[in-house]
Amino acid sequence: MDSDDLMRLARRLQLATRERVQPLRWRPAADIYRTREGWLVKIELAGVRSEEIELKVSGRWLTVRGRRYDMALVEGCEHYSLEIAYSHFERSIELPCALEQARAVTQYRDGMLLVRIITEGSQT
């Protein structure tokens, strides 16, 4: 292998690193709080349209899924560096109680999805 071959190989490796494919799904961060009424689950979903969010409750599990799309900020711009995941996401959270009898109230504020889970027998 001569120096030209090494240069071509190095250039190919550099391109492969830049063009890394994003994962098919990303996992948003979540904070979970115990409240007097039940539970509050706060999920970081900046840039996700509320109509793209789906909630599912099964047993003790709360699952949130959806998709974040990239937005064109300026017509005709090309990307230089991309770190934000634009694809499907899913996050499943297990709570220490059955959720089928609970009532869930959602609010989307400042890029955060707030899921208030009001359980039977709460202290309200």
PDB file of N, CA and C in Angstrom:
ATOM      1  N   MET A   1       0.861  -1.171   0.000  1.00  0.00           N
ATOM      2  CA  MET A   1       0.000   0.000   0.000  1.00  0.00           C
ATOM      3  C   MET A   1       0.914   1.243   0.000  1.00  0.00           C
ATOM      4  N   ASP A   2       0.727   2.103  -0.968  1.00  0.00           N
ATOM      5  CA  ASP A   2       1.573   3.299  -1.040  1.00  0.00           C
ATOM      6  C   ASP A   2       0.878   4.479  -0.327  1.00  0.00           C
ATOM      7  N   SER A   3       1.530   5.624  -0.331  1.00  0.00           N
ATOM      8  CA  SER A   3       1.008   6.787   0.394  1.00  0.00           C
ATOM      9  C   SER A   3      -0.319   7.290  -0.192  1.00  0.00           C
ATOM     10  N   ASP A   4      -0.518   7.167  -1.509  1.00  0.00           N
ATOM     11  CA  ASP A   4      -1.802   7.570  -2.103  1.00  0.00           C
ATOM     12  C   ASP A   4      -2.943   6.688  -1.594  1.00  0.00           C
ATOM     13  N   ASP A   5      -2.663   5.382  -1.494  1.00  0.00           N
ATOM     14  CA  ASP A   5      -3.693   4.476  -0.964  1.00  0.00           C
ATOM     15  C   ASP A   5      -4.034   4.841   0.484  1.00  0.00           C
ATOM     16  N   LEU A   6      -3.003   5.151   1.276  1.00  0.00           N
ATOM     17  CA  LEU A   6      -3.242   5.530   2.671  1.00  0.00           C
ATOM     18  C   LEU A   6      -4.071   6.812   2.752  1.00  0.00           C
ATOM     19  N   MET A   7      -3.777   7.779   1.887  1.00  0.00           N
ATOM     20  CA  MET A   7      -4.543   9.038   1.878  1.00  0.00           C
ATOM     21  C   MET A   7      -6.007   8.780   1.506  1.00  0.00           C
ATOM     22  N   ARG A   8      -6.224   7.937   0.510  1.00  0.00           N
ATOM     23  CA  ARG A   8      -7.608   7.615   0.106  1.00  0.00           C
ATOM     24  C   ARG A   8      -8.355   6.909   1.247  1.00  0.00           C
ATOM     25  N   LEU A   9      -7.669   5.981   1.907  1.00  0.00           N
ATOM     26  CA  LEU A   9      -8.292   5.263   3.021  1.00  0.00           C
ATOM     27  C   LEU A   9      -8.626   6.231   4.162  1.00  0.00           C
ATOM     28  N   ALA A  10      -7.703   7.114   4.484  1.00  0.00           N
ATOM     29  CA  ALA A  10      -7.938   8.102   5.553  1.00  0.00           C
ATOM     30  C   ALA A  10      -9.116   9.001   5.189  1.00  0.00           C
ATOM     31  N   ARG A  11      -9.201   9.429   3.930  1.00  0.00           N
ATOM     32  CA  ARG A  11     -10.302  10.293   3.487  1.00  0.00           C
ATOM     33  C   ARG A  11     -11.641   9.550   3.588  1.00  0.00           C
ATOM     34  N   ARG A  12     -11.647   8.258   3.221  1.00  0.00           N
ATOM     35  CA  ARG A  12     -12.887   7.472   3.316  1.00  0.00           C
ATOM     36  C   ARG A  12     -13.334   7.320   4.775  1.00  0.00           C
ATOM     37  N   LEU A  13     -12.380   7.068   5.661  1.00  0.00           N
ATOM     38  CA  LEU A  13     -12.726   6.942   7.081  1.00  0.00           C
ATOM     39  C   LEU A  13     -13.263   8.253   7.632  1.00  0.00           C
ATOM     40  N   GLN A  14     -12.675   9.358   7.224  1.00  0.00           N
ATOM     41  CA  GLN A  14     -13.136  10.672   7.669  1.00  0.00           C
ATOM     42  C   GLN A  14     -14.558  10.930   7.180  1.00  0.00           C
ATOM     43  N   LEU A  15     -14.847  10.600   5.941  1.00  0.00           N
ATOM     44  CA  LEU A  15     -16.192  10.781   5.398  1.00  0.00           C
ATOM     45  C   LEU A  15     -17.189   9.890   6.121  1.00  0.00           C
ATOM     46  N   ALA A  16     -16.788   8.642   6.403  1.00  0.00           N
ATOM     47  CA  ALA A  16     -17.700   7.726   7.090  1.00  0.00           C
ATOM     48  C   ALA A  16     -18.054   8.262   8.466  1.00  0.00           C
ATOM     49  N   THR A  17     -17.108   8.874   9.169  1.00  0.00           N
ATOM     50  CA  THR A  17     -17.364   9.435  10.485  1.00  0.00           C
ATOM     51  C   THR A  17     -18.330  10.605  10.385  1.00  0.00           C
ATOM     52  N   ARG A  18     -18.165  11.461   9.405  1.00  0.00           N
ATOM     53  CA  ARG A  18     -19.050  12.621   9.233  1.00  0.00           C
ATOM     54  C   ARG A  18     -20.459  12.219   8.852  1.00  0.00           C
ATOM     55  N   GLU A  19     -20.590  11.161   8.076  1.00  0.00           N
ATOM     56  CA  GLU A  19     -21.897  10.762   7.563  1.00  0.00           C
ATOM     57  C   GLU A  19     -22.533   9.658   8.392  1.00  0.00           C
ATOM     58  N   ARG A  20     -22.177   9.620   9.668  1.00  0.00           N
ATOM     59  CA  ARG A  20     -22.730   8.606  10.554  1.00  0.00           C
ATOM     60  C   ARG A  20     -24.252   8.669  10.537  1.00  0.00           C
ATOM     61  N   VAL A  21     -24.878   7.536  10.461  1.00  0.00           N
ATOM     62  CA  VAL A  21     -26.333   7.463  10.425  1.00  0.00           C
ATOM     63  C   VAL A  21     -26.861   7.554  11.853  1.00  0.00           C
ATOM     64  N   GLN A  22     -27.910   8.338  12.043  1.00  0.00           N
ATOM     65  CA  GLN A  22     -28.515   8.470  13.359  1.00  0.00           C
ATOM     66  C   GLN A  22     -29.281   7.191  13.696  1.00  0.00           C
ATOM     67  N   PRO A  23     -29.454   6.927  14.976  1.00  0.00           N
ATOM     68  CA  PRO A  23     -30.240   5.750  15.342  1.00  0.00           C
ATOM     69  C   PRO A  23     -31.675   5.905  14.867  1.00  0.00           C
ATOM     70  N   LEU A  24     -32.349   4.781  14.657  1.00  0.00           N
ATOM     71  CA  LEU A  24     -33.722   4.831  14.180  1.00  0.00           C
ATOM     72  C   LEU A  24     -34.653   5.423  15.225  1.00  0.00           C
ATOM     73  N   ARG A  25     -34.325   5.243  16.483  1.00  0.00           N
ATOM     74  CA  ARG A  25     -35.139   5.797  17.562  1.00  0.00           C
ATOM     75  C   ARG A  25     -34.228   6.495  18.551  1.00  0.00           C
ATOM     76  N   TRP A  26     -34.739   7.504  19.199  1.00  0.00           N
ATOM     77  CA  TRP A  26     -34.016   8.132  20.286  1.00  0.00           C
ATOM     78  C   TRP A  26     -34.881   8.047  21.528  1.00  0.00           C
ATOM     79  N   ARG A  27     -34.252   8.224  22.660  1.00  0.00           N
ATOM     80  CA  ARG A  27     -34.907   8.023  23.945  1.00  0.00           C
ATOM     81  C   ARG A  27     -34.864   9.340  24.709  1.00  0.00           C
ATOM     82  N   PRO A  28     -35.999  10.047  24.806  1.00  0.00           N
ATOM     83  CA  PRO A  28     -35.979  11.330  25.508  1.00  0.00           C
ATOM     84  C   PRO A  28     -35.757  11.147  27.005  1.00  0.00           C
ATOM     85  N   ALA A  29     -35.138  12.141  27.621  1.00  0.00           N
ATOM     86  CA  ALA A  29     -34.911  12.131  29.062  1.00  0.00           C
ATOM     87  C   ALA A  29     -36.229  12.350  29.795  1.00  0.00           C
ATOM     88  N   ALA A  30     -36.345  11.787  30.994  1.00  0.00           N
ATOM     89  CA  ALA A  30     -37.579  11.917  31.775  1.00  0.00           C
ATOM     90  C   ALA A  30     -37.250  12.064  33.256  1.00  0.00           C
ATOM     91  N   ASP A  31     -38.026  12.900  33.927  1.00  0.00           N
ATOM     92  CA  ASP A  31     -37.973  13.026  35.388  1.00  0.00           C
ATOM     93  C   ASP A  31     -39.307  12.519  35.922  1.00  0.00           C
ATOM     94  N   ILE A  32     -39.262  11.831  37.053  1.00  0.00           N
ATOM     95  CA  ILE A  32     -40.479  11.259  37.644  1.00  0.00           C
ATOM     96  C   ILE A  32     -40.589  11.766  39.080  1.00  0.00           C
ATOM     97  N   TYR A  33     -41.761  12.315  39.419  1.00  0.00           N
ATOM     98  CA  TYR A  33     -42.000  12.849  40.757  1.00  0.00           C
ATOM     99  C   TYR A  33     -43.199  12.138  41.379  1.00  0.00           C
ATOM    100  N   ARG A  34     -43.138  11.873  42.647  1.00  0.00           N
ATOM    101  CA  ARG A  34     -44.286  11.375  43.416  1.00  0.00           C
ATOM    102  C   ARG A  34     -44.985  12.615  43.956  1.00  0.00           C
ATOM    103  N   THR A  35     -46.290  12.707  43.749  1.00  0.00           N
ATOM    104  CA  THR A  35     -47.043  13.870  44.214  1.00  0.00           C
ATOM    105  C   THR A  35     -48.159  13.414  45.149  1.00  0.00           C
ATOM    106  N   ARG A  36     -48.853  14.362  45.752  1.00  0.00           N
ATOM    107  CA  ARG A  36     -49.981  14.000  46.623  1.00  0.00           C
ATOM    108  C   ARG A  36     -51.097  13.339  45.833  1.00  0.00           C
ATOM    109  N   GLU A  37     -51.238  13.701  44.536  1.00  0.00           N
ATOM    110  CA  GLU A  37     -52.312  13.158  43.708  1.00  0.00           C
ATOM    111  C   GLU A  37     -51.926  11.848  43.036  1.00  0.00           C
ATOM    112  N   GLY A  38     -50.648  11.573  42.945  1.00  0.00           N
ATOM    113  CA  GLY A  38     -50.190  10.362  42.242  1.00  0.00           C
ATOM    114  C   GLY A  38     -48.759  10.527  41.768  1.00  0.00           C
ATOM    115  N   TRP A  39     -48.601  10.789  40.443  1.00  0.00           N
ATOM    116  CA  TRP A  39     -47.280  10.885  39.841  1.00  0.00           C
ATOM    117  C   TRP A  39     -47.246  12.017  38.831  1.00  0.00           C
ATOM    118  N   LEU A  40     -46.074  12.575  38.659  1.00  0.00           N
ATOM    119  CA  LEU A  40     -45.834  13.551  37.598  1.00  0.00           C
ATOM    120  C   LEU A  40     -44.618  13.065  36.827  1.00  0.00           C
ATOM    121  N   VAL A  41     -44.813  12.841  35.532  1.00  0.00           N
ATOM    122  CA  VAL A  41     -43.722  12.419  34.664  1.00  0.00           C
ATOM    123  C   VAL A  41     -43.453  13.573  33.707  1.00  0.00           C
ATOM    124  N   LYS A  42     -42.243  14.062  33.704  1.00  0.00           N
ATOM    125  CA  LYS A  42     -41.839  15.184  32.851  1.00  0.00           C
ATOM    126  C   LYS A  42     -40.869  14.628  31.811  1.00  0.00           C
ATOM    127  N   ILE A  43     -41.219  14.791  30.543  1.00  0.00           N
ATOM    128  CA  ILE A  43     -40.415  14.217  29.454  1.00  0.00           C
ATOM    129  C   ILE A  43     -39.946  15.337  28.536  1.00  0.00           C
ATOM    130  N   GLU A  44     -38.656  15.359  28.277  1.00  0.00           N
ATOM    131  CA  GLU A  44     -38.052  16.398  27.443  1.00  0.00           C
ATOM    132  C   GLU A  44     -38.305  16.093  25.964  1.00  0.00           C
ATOM    133  N   LEU A  45     -39.143  16.920  25.320  1.00  0.00           N
ATOM    134  CA  LEU A  45     -39.488  16.693  23.908  1.00  0.00           C
ATOM    135  C   LEU A  45     -39.395  18.002  23.116  1.00  0.00           C
ATOM    136  N   ALA A  46     -38.320  18.709  23.287  1.00  0.00           N
ATOM    137  CA  ALA A  46     -38.138  19.979  22.573  1.00  0.00           C
ATOM    138  C   ALA A  46     -38.226  19.758  21.070  1.00  0.00           C
ATOM    139  N   GLY A  47     -38.974  20.616  20.405  1.00  0.00           N
ATOM    140  CA  GLY A  47     -39.079  20.555  18.951  1.00  0.00           C
ATOM    141  C   GLY A  47     -40.065  19.522  18.429  1.00  0.00           C
ATOM    142  N   VAL A  48     -40.761  18.822  19.325  1.00  0.00           N
ATOM    143  CA  VAL A  48     -41.744  17.824  18.890  1.00  0.00           C
ATOM    144  C   VAL A  48     -43.126  18.477  18.914  1.00  0.00           C
ATOM    145  N   ARG A  49     -43.824  18.401  17.792  1.00  0.00           N
ATOM    146  CA  ARG A  49     -45.182  18.945  17.743  1.00  0.00           C
ATOM    147  C   ARG A  49     -46.106  18.082  18.590  1.00  0.00           C
ATOM    148  N   SER A  50     -47.007  18.701  19.325  1.00  0.00           N
ATOM    149  CA  SER A  50     -47.869  17.953  20.250  1.00  0.00           C
ATOM    150  C   SER A  50     -48.693  16.895  19.520  1.00  0.00           C
ATOM    151  N   GLU A  51     -49.072  17.159  18.255  1.00  0.00           N
ATOM    152  CA  GLU A  51     -49.866  16.173  17.521  1.00  0.00           C
ATOM    153  C   GLU A  51     -49.051  14.944  17.122  1.00  0.00           C
ATOM    154  N   GLU A  52     -47.739  14.992  17.298  1.00  0.00           N
ATOM    155  CA  GLU A  52     -46.863  13.851  16.987  1.00  0.00           C
ATOM    156  C   GLU A  52     -46.629  12.950  18.199  1.00  0.00           C
ATOM    157  N   ILE A  53     -47.229  13.281  19.338  1.00  0.00           N
ATOM    158  CA  ILE A  53     -46.984  12.536  20.578  1.00  0.00           C
ATOM    159  C   ILE A  53     -48.125  11.564  20.835  1.00  0.00           C
ATOM    160  N   GLU A  54     -47.771  10.334  21.167  1.00  0.00           N
ATOM    161  CA  GLU A  54     -48.757   9.293  21.488  1.00  0.00           C
ATOM    162  C   GLU A  54     -48.445   8.725  22.866  1.00  0.00           C
ATOM    163  N   LEU A  55     -49.458   8.592  23.708  1.00  0.00           N
ATOM    164  CA  LEU A  55     -49.322   8.047  25.055  1.00  0.00           C
ATOM    165  C   LEU A  55     -50.047   6.719  25.139  1.00  0.00           C
ATOM    166  N   LYS A  56     -49.433   5.759  25.842  1.00  0.00           N
ATOM    167  CA  LYS A  56     -50.081   4.467  26.039  1.00  0.00           C
ATOM    168  C   LYS A  56     -49.823   4.018  27.471  1.00  0.00           C
ATOM    169  N   VAL A  57     -50.868   3.526  28.105  1.00  0.00           N
ATOM    170  CA  VAL A  57     -50.753   3.001  29.466  1.00  0.00           C
ATOM    171  C   VAL A  57     -51.094   1.532  29.424  1.00  0.00           C
ATOM    172  N   SER A  58     -50.231   0.703  30.021  1.00  0.00           N
ATOM    173  CA  SER A  58     -50.464  -0.732  30.072  1.00  0.00           C
ATOM    174  C   SER A  58     -49.858  -1.274  31.362  1.00  0.00           C
ATOM    175  N   GLY A  59     -50.729  -1.771  32.224  1.00  0.00           N
ATOM    176  CA  GLY A  59     -50.244  -2.299  33.496  1.00  0.00           C
ATOM    177  C   GLY A  59     -49.585  -1.205  34.317  1.00  0.00           C
ATOM    178  N   ARG A  60     -48.316  -1.352  34.602  1.00  0.00           N
ATOM    179  CA  ARG A  60     -47.570  -0.348  35.372  1.00  0.00           C
ATOM    180  C   ARG A  60     -46.715   0.539  34.461  1.00  0.00           C
ATOM    181  N   TRP A  61     -46.894   0.398  33.152  1.00  0.00           N
ATOM    182  CA  TRP A  61     -46.025   1.080  32.193  1.00  0.00           C
ATOM    183  C   TRP A  61     -46.719   2.244  31.501  1.00  0.00           C
ATOM    184  N   LEU A  62     -46.012   3.333  31.432  1.00  0.00           N
ATOM    185  CA  LEU A  62     -46.419   4.496  30.637  1.00  0.00           C
ATOM    186  C   LEU A  62     -45.438   4.580  29.472  1.00  0.00           C
ATOM    187  N   THR A  63     -45.963   4.558  28.260  1.00  0.00           N
ATOM    188  CA  THR A  63     -45.109   4.637  27.073  1.00  0.00           C
ATOM    189  C   THR A  63     -45.457   5.891  26.290  1.00  0.00           C
ATOM    190  N   VAL A  64     -44.438   6.644  25.935  1.00  0.00           N
ATOM    191  CA  VAL A  64     -44.590   7.853  25.128  1.00  0.00           C
ATOM    192  C   VAL A  64     -43.790   7.641  23.861  1.00  0.00           C
ATOM    193  N   ARG A  65     -44.421   7.864  22.728  1.00  0.00           N
ATOM    194  CA  ARG A  65     -43.710   7.718  21.456  1.00  0.00           C
ATOM    195  C   ARG A  65     -44.165   8.787  20.478  1.00  0.00           C
ATOM    196  N   GLY A  66     -43.378   8.977  19.452  1.00  0.00           N
ATOM    197  CA  GLY A  66     -43.714   9.970  18.447  1.00  0.00           C
ATOM    198  C   GLY A  66     -42.553  10.183  17.500  1.00  0.00           C
ATOM    199  N   ARG A  67     -42.490  11.378  16.955  1.00  0.00           N
ATOM    200  CA  ARG A  67     -41.449  11.671  15.970  1.00  0.00           C
ATOM    201  C   ARG A  67     -41.125  13.167  16.022  1.00  0.00           C
ATOM    202  N   ARG A  68     -39.837  13.468  15.868  1.00  0.00           N
ATOM    203  CA  ARG A  68     -39.400  14.867  15.732  1.00  0.00           C
ATOM    204  C   ARG A  68     -38.863  15.039  14.320  1.00  0.00           C
ATOM    205  N   TYR A  69     -39.339  16.077  13.654  1.00  0.00           N
ATOM    206  CA  TYR A  69     -38.906  16.397  12.293  1.00  0.00           C
ATOM    207  C   TYR A  69     -37.960  17.592  12.325  1.00  0.00           C
ATOM    208  N   ASP A  70     -37.038  17.606  11.399  1.00  0.00           N
ATOM    209  CA  ASP A  70     -36.172  18.768  11.243  1.00  0.00           C
ATOM    210  C   ASP A  70     -36.992  19.864  10.556  1.00  0.00           C
ATOM    211  N   MET A  71     -36.662  21.097  10.841  1.00  0.00           N
ATOM    212  CA  MET A  71     -37.363  22.209  10.201  1.00  0.00           C
ATOM    213  C   MET A  71     -36.352  23.008   9.379  1.00  0.00           C
ATOM    214  N   ALA A  72     -36.805  23.497   8.245  1.00  0.00           N
ATOM    215  CA  ALA A  72     -35.939  24.315   7.409  1.00  0.00           C
ATOM    216  C   ALA A  72     -35.914  25.722   7.988  1.00  0.00           C
ATOM    217  N   LEU A  73     -34.759  26.148   8.507  1.00  0.00           N
ATOM    218  CA  LEU A  73     -34.661  27.475   9.107  1.00  0.00           C
ATOM    219  C   LEU A  73     -34.473  28.554   8.052  1.00  0.00           C
ATOM    220  N   VAL A  74     -33.704  28.222   7.031  1.00  0.00           N
ATOM    221  CA  VAL A  74     -33.439  29.157   5.941  1.00  0.00           C
ATOM    222  C   VAL A  74     -33.489  28.343   4.651  1.00  0.00           C
ATOM    223  N   GLU A  75     -34.219  28.846   3.679  1.00  0.00           N
ATOM    224  CA  GLU A  75     -34.331  28.124   2.418  1.00  0.00           C
ATOM    225  C   GLU A  75     -32.958  27.952   1.767  1.00  0.00           C
ATOM    226  N   GLY A  76     -32.685  26.743   1.324  1.00  0.00           N
ATOM    227  CA  GLY A  76     -31.446  26.466   0.595  1.00  0.00           C
ATOM    228  C   GLY A  76     -30.222  26.226   1.469  1.00  0.00           C
ATOM    229  N   CYS A  77     -30.355  26.200   2.802  1.00  0.00           N
ATOM    230  CA  CYS A  77     -29.176  25.986   3.646  1.00  0.00           C
ATOM    231  C   CYS A  77     -28.772  24.516   3.637  1.00  0.00           C
ATOM    232  N   GLU A  78     -27.498  24.259   3.834  1.00  0.00           N
ATOM    233  CA  GLU A  78     -26.969  22.896   3.899  1.00  0.00           C
ATOM    234  C   GLU A  78     -26.427  22.669   5.298  1.00  0.00           C
ATOM    235  N   HIS A  79     -26.524  21.427   5.777  1.00  0.00           N
ATOM    236  CA  HIS A  79     -26.059  21.168   7.140  1.00  0.00           C
ATOM    237  C   HIS A  79     -24.530  21.109   7.197  1.00  0.00           C
ATOM    238  N   TYR A  80     -23.992  21.586   8.284  1.00  0.00           N
ATOM    239  CA  TYR A  80     -22.563  21.542   8.560  1.00  0.00           C
ATOM    240  C   TYR A  80     -22.291  20.520   9.657  1.00  0.00           C
ATOM    241  N   SER A  81     -23.138  20.528  10.685  1.00  0.00           N
ATOM    242  CA  SER A  81     -23.001  19.591  11.791  1.00  0.00           C
ATOM    243  C   SER A  81     -24.393  19.317  12.350  1.00  0.00           C
ATOM    244  N   LEU A  82     -24.706  18.064  12.595  1.00  0.00           N
ATOM    245  CA  LEU A  82     -26.025  17.699  13.126  1.00  0.00           C
ATOM    246  C   LEU A  82     -25.845  16.859  14.383  1.00  0.00           C
ATOM    247  N   GLU A  83     -26.395  17.309  15.496  1.00  0.00           N
ATOM    248  CA  GLU A  83     -26.324  16.546  16.741  1.00  0.00           C
ATOM    249  C   GLU A  83     -27.703  16.185  17.276  1.00  0.00           C
ATOM    250  N   ILE A  84     -28.735  16.857  16.806  1.00  0.00           N
ATOM    251  CA  ILE A  84     -30.088  16.618  17.294  1.00  0.00           C
ATOM    252  C   ILE A  84     -30.702  15.474  16.504  1.00  0.00           C
ATOM    253  N   ALA A  85     -31.339  14.542  17.210  1.00  0.00           N
ATOM    254  CA  ALA A  85     -31.966  13.393  16.555  1.00  0.00           C
ATOM    255  C   ALA A  85     -33.315  13.803  15.978  1.00  0.00           C
ATOM    256  N   TYR A  86     -33.505  13.556  14.693  1.00  0.00           N
ATOM    257  CA  TYR A  86     -34.783  13.791  14.023  1.00  0.00           C
ATOM    258  C   TYR A  86     -35.276  12.449  13.530  1.00  0.00           C
ATOM    259  N   SER A  87     -36.088  11.808  14.303  1.00  0.00           N
ATOM    260  CA  SER A  87     -36.601  10.493  13.943  1.00  0.00           C
ATOM    261  C   SER A  87     -37.656  10.101  14.965  1.00  0.00           C
ATOM    262  N   HIS A  88     -38.053   8.855  14.917  1.00  0.00           N
ATOM    263  CA  HIS A  88     -38.996   8.332  15.900  1.00  0.00           C
ATOM    264  C   HIS A  88     -38.328   8.290  17.271  1.00  0.00           C
ATOM    265  N   PHE A  89     -39.132   8.431  18.291  1.00  0.00           N
ATOM    266  CA  PHE A  89     -38.634   8.257  19.650  1.00  0.00           C
ATOM    267  C   PHE A  89     -39.617   7.391  20.419  1.00  0.00           C
ATOM    268  N   GLU A  90     -39.109   6.804  21.483  1.00  0.00           N
ATOM    269  CA  GLU A  90     -39.974   6.030  22.366  1.00  0.00           C
ATOM    270  C   GLU A  90     -39.332   5.976  23.737  1.00  0.00           C
ATOM    271  N   ARG A  91     -40.160   6.119  24.761  1.00  0.00           N
ATOM    272  CA  ARG A  91     -39.681   6.000  26.135  1.00  0.00           C
ATOM    273  C   ARG A  91     -40.766   5.298  26.942  1.00  0.00           C
ATOM    274  N   SER A  92     -40.413   4.191  27.589  1.00  0.00           N
ATOM    275  CA  SER A  92     -41.336   3.471  28.463  1.00  0.00           C
ATOM    276  C   SER A  92     -40.849   3.607  29.891  1.00  0.00           C
ATOM    277  N   ILE A  93     -41.778   3.926  30.781  1.00  0.00           N
ATOM    278  CA  ILE A  93     -41.458   4.167  32.183  1.00  0.00           C
ATOM    279  C   ILE A  93     -42.342   3.270  33.038  1.00  0.00           C
ATOM    280  N   GLU A  94     -41.718   2.505  33.929  1.00  0.00           N
ATOM    281  CA  GLU A  94     -42.482   1.660  34.835  1.00  0.00           C
ATOM    282  C   GLU A  94     -42.666   2.387  36.165  1.00  0.00           C
ATOM    283  N   LEU A  95     -43.911   2.456  36.612  1.00  0.00           N
ATOM    284  CA  LEU A  95     -44.207   3.053  37.912  1.00  0.00           C
ATOM    285  C   LEU A  95     -44.587   1.930  38.883  1.00  0.00           C
ATOM    286  N   PRO A  96     -44.460   2.162  40.172  1.00  0.00           N
ATOM    287  CA  PRO A  96     -44.699   1.079  41.136  1.00  0.00           C
ATOM    288  C   PRO A  96     -46.172   0.840  41.464  1.00  0.00           C
ATOM    289  N   CYS A  97     -47.085   1.138  40.536  1.00  0.00           N
ATOM    290  CA  CYS A  97     -48.512   0.887  40.771  1.00  0.00           C
ATOM    291  C   CYS A  97     -49.193   0.659  39.429  1.00  0.00           C
ATOM    292  N   ALA A  98     -50.355  -0.024  39.466  1.00  0.00           N
ATOM    293  CA  ALA A  98     -51.132  -0.239  38.241  1.00  0.00           C
ATOM    294  C   ALA A  98     -51.700   1.102  37.787  1.00  0.00           C
ATOM    295  N   LEU A  99     -51.697   1.325  36.497  1.00  0.00           N
ATOM    296  CA  LEU A  99     -52.115   2.621  35.969  1.00  0.00           C
ATOM    297  C   LEU A  99     -53.456   2.587  35.239  1.00  0.00           C
ATOM    298  N   GLU A 100     -54.026   1.388  35.037  1.00  0.00           N
ATOM    299  CA  GLU A 100     -55.280   1.310  34.272  1.00  0.00           C
ATOM    300  C   GLU A 100     -56.427   2.077  34.945  1.00  0.00           C
ATOM    301  N   GLN A 101     -56.468   2.098  36.256  1.00  0.00           N
ATOM    302  CA  GLN A 101     -57.543   2.788  36.973  1.00  0.00           C
ATOM    303  C   GLN A 101     -57.207   4.271  37.198  1.00  0.00           C
ATOM    304  N   ALA A 102     -56.019   4.667  36.883  1.00  0.00           N
ATOM    305  CA  ALA A 102     -55.593   6.049  37.115  1.00  0.00           C
ATOM    306  C   ALA A 102     -56.088   6.957  35.992  1.00  0.00           C
ATOM    307  N   ARG A 103     -56.093   8.235  36.255  1.00  0.00           N
ATOM    308  CA  ARG A 103     -56.483   9.243  35.258  1.00  0.00           C
ATOM    309  C   ARG A 103     -55.234  10.028  34.887  1.00  0.00           C
ATOM    310  N   ALA A 104     -55.030  10.211  33.606  1.00  0.00           N
ATOM    311  CA  ALA A 104     -53.847  10.943  33.144  1.00  0.00           C
ATOM    312  C   ALA A 104     -54.266  12.274  32.539  1.00  0.00           C
ATOM    313  N   VAL A 105     -53.561  13.316  32.912  1.00  0.00           N
ATOM    314  CA  VAL A 105     -53.791  14.654  32.369  1.00  0.00           C
ATOM    315  C   VAL A 105     -52.461  15.116  31.796  1.00  0.00           C
ATOM    316  N   THR A 106     -52.469  15.567  30.541  1.00  0.00           N
ATOM    317  CA  THR A 106     -51.215  15.975  29.917  1.00  0.00           C
ATOM    318  C   THR A 106     -51.201  17.473  29.647  1.00  0.00           C
ATOM    319  N   GLN A 107     -49.997  17.992  29.631  1.00  0.00           N
ATOM    320  CA  GLN A 107     -49.776  19.403  29.298  1.00  0.00           C
ATOM    321  C   GLN A 107     -48.428  19.468  28.585  1.00  0.00           C
ATOM    322  N   TYR A 108     -48.353  20.235  27.520  1.00  0.00           N
ATOM    323  CA  TYR A 108     -47.103  20.402  26.778  1.00  0.00           C
ATOM    324  C   TYR A 108     -46.686  21.852  26.927  1.00  0.00           C
ATOM    325  N   ARG A 109     -45.530  22.050  27.577  1.00  0.00           N
ATOM    326  CA  ARG A 109     -45.120  23.422  27.887  1.00  0.00           C
ATOM    327  C   ARG A 109     -43.619  23.562  27.716  1.00  0.00           C
ATOM    328  N   ASP A 110     -43.192  24.527  26.938  1.00  0.00           N
ATOM    329  CA  ASP A 110     -41.772  24.851  26.759  1.00  0.00           C
ATOM    330  C   ASP A 110     -40.930  23.632  26.386  1.00  0.00           C
ATOM    331  N   GLY A 111     -41.444  22.799  25.505  1.00  0.00           N
ATOM    332  CA  GLY A 111     -40.688  21.625  25.065  1.00  0.00           C
ATOM    333  C   GLY A 111     -40.728  20.462  26.025  1.00  0.00           C
ATOM    334  N   MET A 112     -41.526  20.565  27.080  1.00  0.00           N
ATOM    335  CA  MET A 112     -41.651  19.485  28.058  1.00  0.00           C
ATOM    336  C   MET A 112     -43.076  18.949  28.033  1.00  0.00           C
ATOM    337  N   LEU A 113     -43.198  17.626  27.990  1.00  0.00           N
ATOM    338  CA  LEU A 113     -44.499  16.988  28.141  1.00  0.00           C
ATOM    339  C   LEU A 113     -44.659  16.640  29.615  1.00  0.00           C
ATOM    340  N   LEU A 114     -45.711  17.161  30.226  1.00  0.00           N
ATOM    341  CA  LEU A 114     -46.011  16.872  31.628  1.00  0.00           C
ATOM    342  C   LEU A 114     -47.192  15.912  31.660  1.00  0.00           C
ATOM    343  N   VAL A 115     -46.996  14.745  32.252  1.00  0.00           N
ATOM    344  CA  VAL A 115     -48.065  13.757  32.382  1.00  0.00           C
ATOM    345  C   VAL A 115     -48.363  13.608  33.869  1.00  0.00           C
ATOM    346  N   ARG A 116     -49.529  14.104  34.273  1.00  0.00           N
ATOM    347  CA  ARG A 116     -49.956  13.963  35.667  1.00  0.00           C
ATOM    348  C   ARG A 116     -50.835  12.722  35.742  1.00  0.00           C
ATOM    349  N   ILE A 117     -50.424  11.777  36.564  1.00  0.00           N
ATOM    350  CA  ILE A 117     -51.162  10.532  36.728  1.00  0.00           C
ATOM    351  C   ILE A 117     -51.807  10.575  38.106  1.00  0.00           C
ATOM    352  N   ILE A 118     -53.113  10.660  38.091  1.00  0.00           N
ATOM    353  CA  ILE A 118     -53.860  10.761  39.349  1.00  0.00           C
ATOM    354  C   ILE A 118     -54.372   9.366  39.684  1.00  0.00           C
ATOM    355  N   THR A 119     -53.865   8.832  40.787  1.00  0.00           N
ATOM    356  CA  THR A 119     -54.193   7.455  41.153  1.00  0.00           C
ATOM    357  C   THR A 119     -55.360   7.425  42.129  1.00  0.00           C
ATOM    358  N   GLU A 120     -56.049   6.303  42.138  1.00  0.00           N
ATOM    359  CA  GLU A 120     -57.156   6.103  43.065  1.00  0.00           C
ATOM    360  C   GLU A 120     -56.626   6.102  44.491  1.00  0.00           C
ATOM    361  N   GLY A 121     -57.376   6.726  45.409  1.00  0.00           N
ATOM    362  CA  GLY A 121     -56.944   6.745  46.798  1.00  0.00           C
ATOM    363  C   GLY A 121     -55.863   7.763  47.072  1.00  0.00           C
ATOM    364  N   SER A 122     -55.717   8.748  46.182  1.00  0.00           N
ATOM    365  CA  SER A 122     -54.707   9.777  46.419  1.00  0.00           C
ATOM    366  C   SER A 122     -55.134  10.671  47.572  1.00  0.00           C
ATOM    367  N   GLN A 123     -54.259  11.507  48.014  1.00  0.00           N
ATOM    368  CA  GLN A 123     -54.494  12.325  49.207  1.00  0.00           C
ATOM    369  C   GLN A 123     -55.111  13.680  48.892  1.00  0.00           C
ATOM    370  N   THR A 124     -55.949  13.805  47.856  1.00  0.00           N
ATOM    371  CA  THR A 124     -56.543  15.113  47.553  1.00  0.00           C
ATOM    372  C   THR A 124     -57.862  15.304  48.217  1.00  0.00           C
TER     373      THR A 124
END
